[in-house]
Amino acid sequence: MTPNADFPRLTPKQWQALVVLQTEARELTNKELKQLAGFSLTGPDNRKLEDLGLITTDRSHRVFSHQLTDKGRLIRQPDTDTPPTPRQPARKPPPSESALETATQVQALVVLMAEARELTNDELRELAGFSLTGANNRKLEALGLIITDRSHRPFSHQLTDKGWHFVRQLHASTPPRAGGSAIKTLFALLANIHRSLDRLQISHGEFLKRGKNAAPPRPTVDLRAADIEATIRTAYRELVTRPGDWVGLADLREKLGSVDRTAVDDTLRAMVRQEGVRIIPIANTKALQPRDRAAAVRIGEEDNHALAIGST
């Protein structure tokens, strides 16, 4: 554990920010911090925690977001002069606790996640025994969880980025009453899958990518961490016109070839704490393809899809 004595004295607000980030165990935007603790992390307080290597701040969006580094997860408040843990306001139940009304709506989301691709109603009927039409279709569209292409018949459906996030957390919600024991069993399975992927630090997209679209397995190359970072930086330079340009992780992984996936992910998570390195989700969710989802690296509680490395 990192001794607190290693760090200059922190202000109550700085401790409070660390407490909230440790309690939530995920990346938080300034808006979320304000809701949870009554303040945003900006200015000198933000810079101090970054300079100490306790947090990283993503400034690529209009509302900045923060997450703990490994060092930040270890530091603990001193026994004296400890600011009280902020009282968290009662949260609204996640949409999945009240929004899904039928077993068909749950099953449709799960099948679309499991297949990780656009599915026609004919394919849904073949895979799961139903098609997504009428009120069930309209409900999922109204919630922003799927998009339905009605330009051809049979209609086809795919998850939106919001839908992917929603179904990844579905296990933590209350199953629809009409679902019966079959839906409850499905939720138990989803919970175990989520725990396993979280432990292995593998994204749902990578785990569920379709075998027929995947490249044949290649022998992995065993490299030291420093060599992997150098390889990533070389691949990045070959893909961009100038430093700071964005590169999709799908293109980067293709360029890296047989370098071990887990080692690359670990290196990317370490690199994002370095000056000039940014790894973010793709903002335009409609642009996400299955290969983008499969190539994502999970940092905190979020799948990220693009890398930029500035000049140093």
C-alpha atoms as a PDB file:
ATOM      1  CA  MET A   1       0.000   0.000   0.000  1.00  0.00           C
ATOM      2  CA  THR A   2       1.302   3.456  -0.810  1.00  0.00           C
ATOM      3  CA  PRO A   3       2.093   5.346   2.412  1.00  0.00           C
ATOM      4  CA  ASN A   4       0.203   8.594   2.703  1.00  0.00           C
ATOM      5  CA  ALA A   5       3.385  10.240   3.964  1.00  0.00           C
ATOM      6  CA  ASP A   6       4.733  10.000   0.428  1.00  0.00           C
ATOM      7  CA  PHE A   7       2.302  12.718  -0.640  1.00  0.00           C
ATOM      8  CA  PRO A   8       2.142  16.392   0.362  1.00  0.00           C
ATOM      9  CA  ARG A   9      -0.811  17.250   2.545  1.00  0.00           C
ATOM     10  CA  LEU A  10      -4.044  17.197   0.585  1.00  0.00           C
ATOM     11  CA  THR A  11      -6.900  19.602   1.119  1.00  0.00           C
ATOM     12  CA  PRO A  12     -10.289  18.334   2.365  1.00  0.00           C
ATOM     13  CA  LYS A  13     -11.724  18.824  -1.113  1.00  0.00           C
ATOM     14  CA  GLN A  14      -8.919  16.792  -2.691  1.00  0.00           C
ATOM     15  CA  TRP A  15      -9.445  13.980  -0.171  1.00  0.00           C
ATOM     16  CA  GLN A  16     -13.160  14.143  -0.794  1.00  0.00           C
ATOM     17  CA  ALA A  17     -12.649  13.773  -4.541  1.00  0.00           C
ATOM     18  CA  LEU A  18     -10.475  10.691  -3.947  1.00  0.00           C
ATOM     19  CA  VAL A  19     -13.067   9.214  -1.578  1.00  0.00           C
ATOM     20  CA  VAL A  20     -15.865   9.621  -4.115  1.00  0.00           C
ATOM     21  CA  LEU A  21     -13.768   8.122  -6.925  1.00  0.00           C
ATOM     22  CA  GLN A  22     -12.770   5.194  -4.696  1.00  0.00           C
ATOM     23  CA  THR A  23     -16.361   4.646  -3.573  1.00  0.00           C
ATOM     24  CA  GLU A  24     -17.772   4.748  -7.096  1.00  0.00           C
ATOM     25  CA  ALA A  25     -14.867   2.677  -8.528  1.00  0.00           C
ATOM     26  CA  ARG A  26     -15.376   4.143 -11.999  1.00  0.00           C
ATOM     27  CA  GLU A  27     -14.662   7.176 -14.133  1.00  0.00           C
ATOM     28  CA  LEU A  28     -16.743  10.190 -13.103  1.00  0.00           C
ATOM     29  CA  THR A  29     -17.517  13.358 -15.002  1.00  0.00           C
ATOM     30  CA  ASN A  30     -17.526  16.735 -13.246  1.00  0.00           C
ATOM     31  CA  LYS A  31     -21.303  16.698 -13.574  1.00  0.00           C
ATOM     32  CA  GLU A  32     -21.492  13.383 -11.709  1.00  0.00           C
ATOM     33  CA  LEU A  33     -19.053  14.617  -9.052  1.00  0.00           C
ATOM     34  CA  LYS A  34     -21.240  17.665  -8.513  1.00  0.00           C
ATOM     35  CA  GLN A  35     -24.309  15.467  -8.083  1.00  0.00           C
ATOM     36  CA  LEU A  36     -22.538  13.098  -5.681  1.00  0.00           C
ATOM     37  CA  ALA A  37     -20.388  15.477  -3.629  1.00  0.00           C
ATOM     38  CA  GLY A  38     -21.519  18.988  -4.461  1.00  0.00           C
ATOM     39  CA  PHE A  39     -18.432  20.121  -6.350  1.00  0.00           C
ATOM     40  CA  SER A  40     -16.532  19.757  -9.625  1.00  0.00           C
ATOM     41  CA  LEU A  41     -12.838  18.856  -9.739  1.00  0.00           C
ATOM     42  CA  THR A  42     -11.158  21.749 -11.523  1.00  0.00           C
ATOM     43  CA  GLY A  43      -8.282  24.206 -11.267  1.00  0.00           C
ATOM     44  CA  PRO A  44      -5.539  23.723  -8.631  1.00  0.00           C
ATOM     45  CA  ASP A  45      -7.304  20.770  -6.959  1.00  0.00           C
ATOM     46  CA  ASN A  46      -7.448  18.906 -10.278  1.00  0.00           C
ATOM     47  CA  ARG A  47      -3.839  19.739 -11.179  1.00  0.00           C
ATOM     48  CA  LYS A  48      -2.559  18.727  -7.731  1.00  0.00           C
ATOM     49  CA  LEU A  49      -4.093  15.256  -7.889  1.00  0.00           C
ATOM     50  CA  GLU A  50      -2.846  14.806 -11.460  1.00  0.00           C
ATOM     51  CA  ASP A  51       0.680  16.008 -10.578  1.00  0.00           C
ATOM     52  CA  LEU A  52       0.792  13.488  -7.722  1.00  0.00           C
ATOM     53  CA  GLY A  53      -0.208  10.720 -10.119  1.00  0.00           C
ATOM     54  CA  LEU A  54      -3.411   9.933  -8.186  1.00  0.00           C
ATOM     55  CA  ILE A  55      -5.892  10.580 -11.000  1.00  0.00           C
ATOM     56  CA  THR A  56      -6.068  11.017 -14.756  1.00  0.00           C
ATOM     57  CA  THR A  57      -8.382  13.599 -16.323  1.00  0.00           C
ATOM     58  CA  ASP A  58      -9.907  13.222 -19.770  1.00  0.00           C
ATOM     59  CA  ARG A  59     -10.280  16.671 -21.333  1.00  0.00           C
ATOM     60  CA  SER A  60     -11.374  15.442 -24.757  1.00  0.00           C
ATOM     61  CA  HIS A  61     -15.044  16.077 -23.927  1.00  0.00           C
ATOM     62  CA  ARG A  62     -16.823  19.274 -22.934  1.00  0.00           C
ATOM     63  CA  VAL A  63     -17.456  17.889 -19.440  1.00  0.00           C
ATOM     64  CA  PHE A  64     -14.104  16.679 -18.104  1.00  0.00           C
ATOM     65  CA  SER A  65     -13.990  13.251 -16.461  1.00  0.00           C
ATOM     66  CA  HIS A  66     -11.649  11.767 -13.882  1.00  0.00           C
ATOM     67  CA  GLN A  67     -10.554   8.311 -12.805  1.00  0.00           C
ATOM     68  CA  LEU A  68      -8.123   6.951 -10.241  1.00  0.00           C
ATOM     69  CA  THR A  69      -4.705   5.639 -11.184  1.00  0.00           C
ATOM     70  CA  ASP A  70      -3.343   2.506  -9.507  1.00  0.00           C
ATOM     71  CA  LYS A  71      -1.555   4.799  -7.051  1.00  0.00           C
ATOM     72  CA  GLY A  72      -4.793   6.675  -6.378  1.00  0.00           C
ATOM     73  CA  ARG A  73      -6.628   3.451  -5.569  1.00  0.00           C
ATOM     74  CA  LEU A  74      -4.074   2.612  -2.859  1.00  0.00           C
ATOM     75  CA  ILE A  75      -3.903   5.905  -0.995  1.00  0.00           C
ATOM     76  CA  ARG A  76      -6.081   6.133   2.107  1.00  0.00           C
ATOM     77  CA  GLN A  77      -7.252   9.018   4.249  1.00  0.00           C
ATOM     78  CA  PRO A  78      -5.259   9.690   7.430  1.00  0.00           C
ATOM     79  CA  ASP A  79      -6.854   8.796  10.744  1.00  0.00           C
ATOM     80  CA  THR A  80      -7.014  12.437  11.827  1.00  0.00           C
ATOM     81  CA  ASP A  81      -8.443  15.473  10.131  1.00  0.00           C
ATOM     82  CA  THR A  82     -10.337  13.165   7.822  1.00  0.00           C
ATOM     83  CA  PRO A  83     -13.091  14.900   5.923  1.00  0.00           C
ATOM     84  CA  PRO A  84     -16.369  12.993   6.167  1.00  0.00           C
ATOM     85  CA  THR A  85     -17.298  10.723   3.320  1.00  0.00           C
ATOM     86  CA  PRO A  86     -19.746  12.683   1.185  1.00  0.00           C
ATOM     87  CA  ARG A  87     -23.369  11.776   1.601  1.00  0.00           C
ATOM     88  CA  GLN A  88     -24.562  10.459  -1.719  1.00  0.00           C
ATOM     89  CA  PRO A  89     -28.031  11.556  -2.772  1.00  0.00           C
ATOM     90  CA  ALA A  90     -30.587   8.910  -3.548  1.00  0.00           C
ATOM     91  CA  ARG A  91     -30.158   7.854  -7.136  1.00  0.00           C
ATOM     92  CA  LYS A  92     -32.844   7.321  -9.647  1.00  0.00           C
ATOM     93  CA  PRO A  93     -33.154   3.616 -10.485  1.00  0.00           C
ATOM     94  CA  PRO A  94     -31.279   2.682 -13.639  1.00  0.00           C
ATOM     95  CA  PRO A  95     -33.528   2.532 -16.698  1.00  0.00           C
ATOM     96  CA  SER A  96     -33.335  -1.257 -16.807  1.00  0.00           C
ATOM     97  CA  GLU A  97     -35.178  -1.569 -13.483  1.00  0.00           C
ATOM     98  CA  SER A  98     -38.355  -0.029 -14.821  1.00  0.00           C
ATOM     99  CA  ALA A  99     -38.032   0.437 -18.569  1.00  0.00           C
ATOM    100  CA  LEU A 100     -38.152  -3.140 -19.867  1.00  0.00           C
ATOM    101  CA  GLU A 101     -41.627  -4.545 -19.630  1.00  0.00           C
ATOM    102  CA  THR A 102     -41.557  -7.913 -21.386  1.00  0.00           C
ATOM    103  CA  ALA A 103     -39.365 -10.961 -21.713  1.00  0.00           C
ATOM    104  CA  THR A 104     -39.166 -10.371 -25.471  1.00  0.00           C
ATOM    105  CA  GLN A 105     -37.531  -6.967 -24.935  1.00  0.00           C
ATOM    106  CA  VAL A 106     -34.882  -8.538 -22.674  1.00  0.00           C
ATOM    107  CA  GLN A 107     -34.283 -11.437 -25.038  1.00  0.00           C
ATOM    108  CA  ALA A 108     -33.945  -9.164 -28.061  1.00  0.00           C
ATOM    109  CA  LEU A 109     -31.231  -7.088 -26.368  1.00  0.00           C
ATOM    110  CA  VAL A 110     -29.342 -10.169 -25.213  1.00  0.00           C
ATOM    111  CA  VAL A 111     -29.441 -11.829 -28.655  1.00  0.00           C
ATOM    112  CA  LEU A 112     -28.253  -8.624 -30.354  1.00  0.00           C
ATOM    113  CA  MET A 113     -25.382  -8.415 -27.863  1.00  0.00           C
ATOM    114  CA  ALA A 114     -24.518 -12.101 -28.215  1.00  0.00           C
ATOM    115  CA  GLU A 115     -24.405 -11.877 -32.029  1.00  0.00           C
ATOM    116  CA  ALA A 116     -22.614  -8.485 -31.963  1.00  0.00           C
ATOM    117  CA  ARG A 117     -24.053  -7.551 -35.366  1.00  0.00           C
ATOM    118  CA  GLU A 118     -27.169  -6.312 -37.127  1.00  0.00           C
ATOM    119  CA  LEU A 119     -29.936  -8.942 -37.240  1.00  0.00           C
ATOM    120  CA  THR A 120     -32.997  -9.164 -39.440  1.00  0.00           C
ATOM    121  CA  ASN A 121     -36.324 -10.327 -38.044  1.00  0.00           C
ATOM    122  CA  ASP A 122     -35.859 -13.592 -39.939  1.00  0.00           C
ATOM    123  CA  GLU A 123     -32.523 -14.151 -38.207  1.00  0.00           C
ATOM    124  CA  LEU A 124     -34.001 -13.279 -34.814  1.00  0.00           C
ATOM    125  CA  ARG A 125     -36.791 -15.776 -35.420  1.00  0.00           C
ATOM    126  CA  GLU A 126     -34.282 -18.470 -36.386  1.00  0.00           C
ATOM    127  CA  LEU A 127     -31.970 -17.770 -33.435  1.00  0.00           C
ATOM    128  CA  ALA A 128     -34.449 -17.031 -30.655  1.00  0.00           C
ATOM    129  CA  GLY A 129     -37.902 -17.987 -31.921  1.00  0.00           C
ATOM    130  CA  PHE A 130     -39.381 -14.490 -32.236  1.00  0.00           C
ATOM    131  CA  SER A 131     -39.204 -11.356 -34.373  1.00  0.00           C
ATOM    132  CA  LEU A 132     -38.946  -7.847 -32.963  1.00  0.00           C
ATOM    133  CA  THR A 133     -42.065  -5.965 -34.034  1.00  0.00           C
ATOM    134  CA  GLY A 134     -44.887  -3.813 -32.728  1.00  0.00           C
ATOM    135  CA  ALA A 135     -44.828  -2.488 -29.180  1.00  0.00           C
ATOM    136  CA  ASN A 136     -41.622  -4.318 -28.224  1.00  0.00           C
ATOM    137  CA  ASN A 137     -39.750  -2.793 -31.165  1.00  0.00           C
ATOM    138  CA  ARG A 138     -41.119   0.695 -30.495  1.00  0.00           C
ATOM    139  CA  LYS A 139     -40.238   0.489 -26.788  1.00  0.00           C
ATOM    140  CA  LEU A 140     -36.585  -0.379 -27.382  1.00  0.00           C
ATOM    141  CA  GLU A 141     -36.302   2.333 -30.033  1.00  0.00           C
ATOM    142  CA  ALA A 142     -37.935   4.908 -27.764  1.00  0.00           C
ATOM    143  CA  LEU A 143     -35.391   4.087 -25.051  1.00  0.00           C
ATOM    144  CA  GLY A 144     -32.589   4.626 -27.558  1.00  0.00           C
ATOM    145  CA  LEU A 145     -31.299   1.061 -27.102  1.00  0.00           C
ATOM    146  CA  ILE A 146     -31.645  -0.104 -30.719  1.00  0.00           C
ATOM    147  CA  ILE A 147     -32.009   1.298 -34.202  1.00  0.00           C
ATOM    148  CA  THR A 148     -34.303  -0.415 -36.711  1.00  0.00           C
ATOM    149  CA  ASP A 149     -33.725  -0.233 -40.444  1.00  0.00           C
ATOM    150  CA  ARG A 150     -37.096  -0.184 -42.201  1.00  0.00           C
ATOM    151  CA  SER A 151     -35.695   0.544 -45.660  1.00  0.00           C
ATOM    152  CA  HIS A 152     -35.989  -3.134 -46.599  1.00  0.00           C
ATOM    153  CA  ARG A 153     -37.861  -6.240 -45.581  1.00  0.00           C
ATOM    154  CA  PRO A 154     -37.429  -8.017 -43.315  1.00  0.00           C
ATOM    155  CA  PHE A 155     -36.605  -5.144 -40.957  1.00  0.00           C
ATOM    156  CA  SER A 156     -33.229  -5.330 -39.238  1.00  0.00           C
ATOM    157  CA  HIS A 157     -32.063  -4.199 -35.799  1.00  0.00           C
ATOM    158  CA  GLN A 158     -28.805  -3.416 -34.046  1.00  0.00           C
ATOM    159  CA  LEU A 159     -27.776  -2.122 -30.639  1.00  0.00           C
ATOM    160  CA  THR A 160     -26.859   1.515 -30.226  1.00  0.00           C
ATOM    161  CA  ASP A 161     -23.887   2.465 -28.055  1.00  0.00           C
ATOM    162  CA  LYS A 162     -26.394   3.210 -25.295  1.00  0.00           C
ATOM    163  CA  GLY A 163     -27.884  -0.226 -25.900  1.00  0.00           C
ATOM    164  CA  TRP A 164     -24.505  -1.910 -25.485  1.00  0.00           C
ATOM    165  CA  HIS A 165     -23.921  -0.119 -22.194  1.00  0.00           C
ATOM    166  CA  PHE A 166     -27.470  -0.910 -21.067  1.00  0.00           C
ATOM    167  CA  VAL A 167     -27.296  -4.633 -21.765  1.00  0.00           C
ATOM    168  CA  ARG A 168     -23.832  -4.940 -20.166  1.00  0.00           C
ATOM    169  CA  GLN A 169     -25.414  -3.735 -16.910  1.00  0.00           C
ATOM    170  CA  LEU A 170     -28.704  -5.585 -17.364  1.00  0.00           C
ATOM    171  CA  HIS A 171     -27.800  -8.257 -14.813  1.00  0.00           C
ATOM    172  CA  ALA A 172     -27.805  -5.641 -12.021  1.00  0.00           C
ATOM    173  CA  SER A 173     -31.424  -4.638 -12.647  1.00  0.00           C
ATOM    174  CA  THR A 174     -34.751  -6.205 -11.704  1.00  0.00           C
ATOM    175  CA  PRO A 175     -36.100  -8.671 -14.295  1.00  0.00           C
ATOM    176  CA  PRO A 176     -39.557  -7.973 -15.742  1.00  0.00           C
ATOM    177  CA  ARG A 177     -42.206  -9.738 -13.683  1.00  0.00           C
ATOM    178  CA  ALA A 178     -43.639 -11.316 -16.790  1.00  0.00           C
ATOM    179  CA  GLY A 179     -40.334 -13.016 -17.543  1.00  0.00           C
ATOM    180  CA  GLY A 180     -40.656 -15.844 -15.068  1.00  0.00           C
ATOM    181  CA  SER A 181     -37.873 -18.216 -14.047  1.00  0.00           C
ATOM    182  CA  ALA A 182     -36.314 -18.342 -17.539  1.00  0.00           C
ATOM    183  CA  ILE A 183     -35.488 -14.604 -17.503  1.00  0.00           C
ATOM    184  CA  LYS A 184     -34.221 -14.801 -13.913  1.00  0.00           C
ATOM    185  CA  THR A 185     -31.895 -17.618 -14.973  1.00  0.00           C
ATOM    186  CA  LEU A 186     -30.694 -15.509 -17.902  1.00  0.00           C
ATOM    187  CA  PHE A 187     -29.925 -12.627 -15.526  1.00  0.00           C
ATOM    188  CA  ALA A 188     -27.877 -14.965 -13.317  1.00  0.00           C
ATOM    189  CA  LEU A 189     -25.867 -16.060 -16.359  1.00  0.00           C
ATOM    190  CA  LEU A 190     -25.301 -12.443 -17.442  1.00  0.00           C
ATOM    191  CA  ALA A 191     -24.069 -11.564 -13.938  1.00  0.00           C
ATOM    192  CA  ASN A 192     -21.495 -14.366 -14.010  1.00  0.00           C
ATOM    193  CA  ILE A 193     -20.331 -13.378 -17.509  1.00  0.00           C
ATOM    194  CA  HIS A 194     -19.956  -9.760 -16.359  1.00  0.00           C
ATOM    195  CA  ARG A 195     -17.881 -10.757 -13.306  1.00  0.00           C
ATOM    196  CA  SER A 196     -15.641 -13.003 -15.383  1.00  0.00           C
ATOM    197  CA  LEU A 197     -15.011 -10.394 -18.080  1.00  0.00           C
ATOM    198  CA  ASP A 198     -14.366  -7.734 -15.453  1.00  0.00           C
ATOM    199  CA  ARG A 199     -11.801  -9.975 -13.761  1.00  0.00           C
ATOM    200  CA  LEU A 200     -10.125 -10.794 -17.083  1.00  0.00           C
ATOM    201  CA  GLN A 201     -10.339  -7.159 -18.271  1.00  0.00           C
ATOM    202  CA  ILE A 202     -11.913  -8.259 -21.561  1.00  0.00           C
ATOM    203  CA  SER A 203     -14.608  -6.185 -23.233  1.00  0.00           C
ATOM    204  CA  HIS A 204     -17.978  -7.700 -24.109  1.00  0.00           C
ATOM    205  CA  GLY A 205     -17.304  -6.867 -27.768  1.00  0.00           C
ATOM    206  CA  GLU A 206     -14.059  -8.869 -27.803  1.00  0.00           C
ATOM    207  CA  PHE A 207     -15.612 -11.804 -25.958  1.00  0.00           C
ATOM    208  CA  LEU A 208     -18.684 -11.944 -28.198  1.00  0.00           C
ATOM    209  CA  LYS A 209     -17.129 -11.225 -31.597  1.00  0.00           C
ATOM    210  CA  ARG A 210     -18.208 -13.687 -34.243  1.00  0.00           C
ATOM    211  CA  GLY A 211     -15.782 -16.450 -35.013  1.00  0.00           C
ATOM    212  CA  LYS A 212     -16.365 -16.486 -38.764  1.00  0.00           C
ATOM    213  CA  ASN A 213     -15.297 -12.822 -38.998  1.00  0.00           C
ATOM    214  CA  ALA A 214     -12.257 -13.258 -36.816  1.00  0.00           C
ATOM    215  CA  ALA A 215      -8.814 -13.681 -38.288  1.00  0.00           C
ATOM    216  CA  PRO A 216      -7.256 -17.162 -37.976  1.00  0.00           C
ATOM    217  CA  PRO A 217      -5.343 -17.530 -34.696  1.00  0.00           C
ATOM    218  CA  ARG A 218      -1.724 -16.493 -34.940  1.00  0.00           C
ATOM    219  CA  PRO A 219       1.130 -17.287 -32.561  1.00  0.00           C
ATOM    220  CA  THR A 220       1.600 -14.419 -30.123  1.00  0.00           C
ATOM    221  CA  VAL A 221       4.879 -12.571 -29.828  1.00  0.00           C
ATOM    222  CA  ASP A 222       6.251 -12.361 -26.292  1.00  0.00           C
ATOM    223  CA  LEU A 223       7.718  -8.895 -25.707  1.00  0.00           C
ATOM    224  CA  ARG A 224       8.771  -6.917 -22.656  1.00  0.00           C
ATOM    225  CA  ALA A 225       6.472  -4.062 -21.580  1.00  0.00           C
ATOM    226  CA  ALA A 226       8.944  -1.446 -22.863  1.00  0.00           C
ATOM    227  CA  ASP A 227       9.150  -3.216 -26.216  1.00  0.00           C
ATOM    228  CA  ILE A 228       5.359  -3.370 -26.475  1.00  0.00           C
ATOM    229  CA  GLU A 229       5.039   0.351 -25.824  1.00  0.00           C
ATOM    230  CA  ALA A 230       7.694   1.050 -28.458  1.00  0.00           C
ATOM    231  CA  THR A 231       5.842  -1.221 -30.899  1.00  0.00           C
ATOM    232  CA  ILE A 232       2.546   0.580 -30.203  1.00  0.00           C
ATOM    233  CA  ARG A 233       4.159   3.979 -30.732  1.00  0.00           C
ATOM    234  CA  THR A 234       5.769   2.824 -33.989  1.00  0.00           C
ATOM    235  CA  ALA A 235       2.460   1.414 -35.271  1.00  0.00           C
ATOM    236  CA  TYR A 236       0.708   4.655 -34.306  1.00  0.00           C
ATOM    237  CA  ARG A 237       3.245   6.790 -36.224  1.00  0.00           C
ATOM    238  CA  GLU A 238       2.777   4.654 -39.311  1.00  0.00           C
ATOM    239  CA  LEU A 239      -1.005   5.164 -39.183  1.00  0.00           C
ATOM    240  CA  VAL A 240      -1.167   8.948 -38.689  1.00  0.00           C
ATOM    241  CA  THR A 241      -0.258  11.999 -40.705  1.00  0.00           C
ATOM    242  CA  ARG A 242       0.938  14.010 -37.714  1.00  0.00           C
ATOM    243  CA  PRO A 243       1.264  13.560 -33.914  1.00  0.00           C
ATOM    244  CA  GLY A 244      -2.014  13.961 -32.045  1.00  0.00           C
ATOM    245  CA  ASP A 245      -4.193  12.488 -34.811  1.00  0.00           C
ATOM    246  CA  TRP A 246      -6.771   9.933 -33.715  1.00  0.00           C
ATOM    247  CA  VAL A 247      -6.364   6.259 -34.627  1.00  0.00           C
ATOM    248  CA  GLY A 248      -9.007   3.582 -34.098  1.00  0.00           C
ATOM    249  CA  LEU A 249      -7.836   0.738 -31.880  1.00  0.00           C
ATOM    250  CA  ALA A 250      -9.146  -1.685 -34.508  1.00  0.00           C
ATOM    251  CA  ASP A 251      -6.610  -0.290 -37.015  1.00  0.00           C
ATOM    252  CA  LEU A 252      -3.889  -0.244 -34.374  1.00  0.00           C
ATOM    253  CA  ARG A 253      -4.435  -3.887 -33.401  1.00  0.00           C
ATOM    254  CA  GLU A 254      -4.411  -4.892 -37.049  1.00  0.00           C
ATOM    255  CA  LYS A 255      -1.067  -3.125 -37.431  1.00  0.00           C
ATOM    256  CA  LEU A 256       0.326  -4.804 -34.302  1.00  0.00           C
ATOM    257  CA  GLY A 257      -0.395  -8.242 -35.720  1.00  0.00           C
ATOM    258  CA  SER A 258       0.533 -11.067 -33.376  1.00  0.00           C
ATOM    259  CA  VAL A 259       1.540  -9.057 -30.315  1.00  0.00           C
ATOM    260  CA  ASP A 260      -0.260 -10.527 -27.296  1.00  0.00           C
ATOM    261  CA  ARG A 261      -3.682  -8.889 -26.785  1.00  0.00           C
ATOM    262  CA  THR A 262      -3.557  -8.869 -22.984  1.00  0.00           C
ATOM    263  CA  ALA A 263      -0.075  -7.363 -22.950  1.00  0.00           C
ATOM    264  CA  VAL A 264      -1.170  -4.646 -25.399  1.00  0.00           C
ATOM    265  CA  ASP A 265      -4.200  -3.805 -23.245  1.00  0.00           C
ATOM    266  CA  ASP A 266      -2.075  -3.584 -20.094  1.00  0.00           C
ATOM    267  CA  THR A 267       0.402  -1.337 -21.894  1.00  0.00           C
ATOM    268  CA  LEU A 268      -2.345   0.950 -23.224  1.00  0.00           C
ATOM    269  CA  ARG A 269      -3.759   1.313 -19.698  1.00  0.00           C
ATOM    270  CA  ALA A 270      -0.307   2.321 -18.475  1.00  0.00           C
ATOM    271  CA  MET A 271       0.326   4.670 -21.410  1.00  0.00           C
ATOM    272  CA  VAL A 272      -2.895   6.634 -20.882  1.00  0.00           C
ATOM    273  CA  ARG A 273      -1.374   8.023 -17.681  1.00  0.00           C
ATOM    274  CA  GLN A 274       1.531   9.491 -19.646  1.00  0.00           C
ATOM    275  CA  GLU A 275       1.608  13.067 -20.881  1.00  0.00           C
ATOM    276  CA  GLY A 276       0.281  13.433 -24.413  1.00  0.00           C
ATOM    277  CA  VAL A 277      -1.446  10.030 -24.554  1.00  0.00           C
ATOM    278  CA  ARG A 278      -5.248   9.983 -24.818  1.00  0.00           C
ATOM    279  CA  ILE A 279      -7.543   6.977 -25.170  1.00  0.00           C
ATOM    280  CA  ILE A 280     -11.268   7.676 -25.466  1.00  0.00           C
ATOM    281  CA  PRO A 281     -14.593   6.176 -26.572  1.00  0.00           C
ATOM    282  CA  ILE A 282     -15.785   7.062 -30.081  1.00  0.00           C
ATOM    283  CA  ALA A 283     -18.278   9.900 -29.688  1.00  0.00           C
ATOM    284  CA  ASN A 284     -20.178   9.128 -32.906  1.00  0.00           C
ATOM    285  CA  THR A 285     -21.877   5.934 -31.793  1.00  0.00           C
ATOM    286  CA  LYS A 286     -23.339   5.299 -35.250  1.00  0.00           C
ATOM    287  CA  ALA A 287     -19.797   4.983 -36.596  1.00  0.00           C
ATOM    288  CA  LEU A 288     -18.982   2.030 -34.341  1.00  0.00           C
ATOM    289  CA  GLN A 289     -18.589  -1.213 -36.243  1.00  0.00           C
ATOM    290  CA  PRO A 290     -18.283  -4.694 -34.710  1.00  0.00           C
ATOM    291  CA  ARG A 291     -14.493  -4.554 -35.259  1.00  0.00           C
ATOM    292  CA  ASP A 292     -14.378  -1.295 -33.244  1.00  0.00           C
ATOM    293  CA  ARG A 293     -16.258  -2.892 -30.371  1.00  0.00           C
ATOM    294  CA  ALA A 294     -14.091  -6.005 -30.517  1.00  0.00           C
ATOM    295  CA  ALA A 295     -10.882  -3.924 -30.445  1.00  0.00           C
ATOM    296  CA  ALA A 296     -11.938  -1.770 -27.495  1.00  0.00           C
ATOM    297  CA  VAL A 297      -9.743  -1.572 -24.416  1.00  0.00           C
ATOM    298  CA  ARG A 298     -11.540  -1.404 -21.112  1.00  0.00           C
ATOM    299  CA  ILE A 299     -10.323   1.352 -18.815  1.00  0.00           C
ATOM    300  CA  GLY A 300     -12.255   1.748 -15.586  1.00  0.00           C
ATOM    301  CA  GLU A 301     -15.856   0.882 -16.411  1.00  0.00           C
ATOM    302  CA  GLU A 302     -15.776   2.023 -20.028  1.00  0.00           C
ATOM    303  CA  ASP A 303     -14.774   0.555 -23.389  1.00  0.00           C
ATOM    304  CA  ASN A 304     -12.475   2.896 -25.322  1.00  0.00           C
ATOM    305  CA  HIS A 305     -11.959   2.843 -29.070  1.00  0.00           C
ATOM    306  CA  ALA A 306      -9.461   5.516 -30.194  1.00  0.00           C
ATOM    307  CA  LEU A 307      -5.874   6.523 -29.414  1.00  0.00           C
ATOM    308  CA  ALA A 308      -3.974   9.780 -29.877  1.00  0.00           C
ATOM    309  CA  ILE A 309      -0.313  10.360 -29.020  1.00  0.00           C
ATOM    310  CA  GLY A 310       0.959  13.929 -29.093  1.00  0.00           C
ATOM    311  CA  SER A 311       4.518  15.032 -29.722  1.00  0.00           C
ATOM    312  CA  THR A 312       6.743  14.932 -26.655  1.00  0.00           C
END
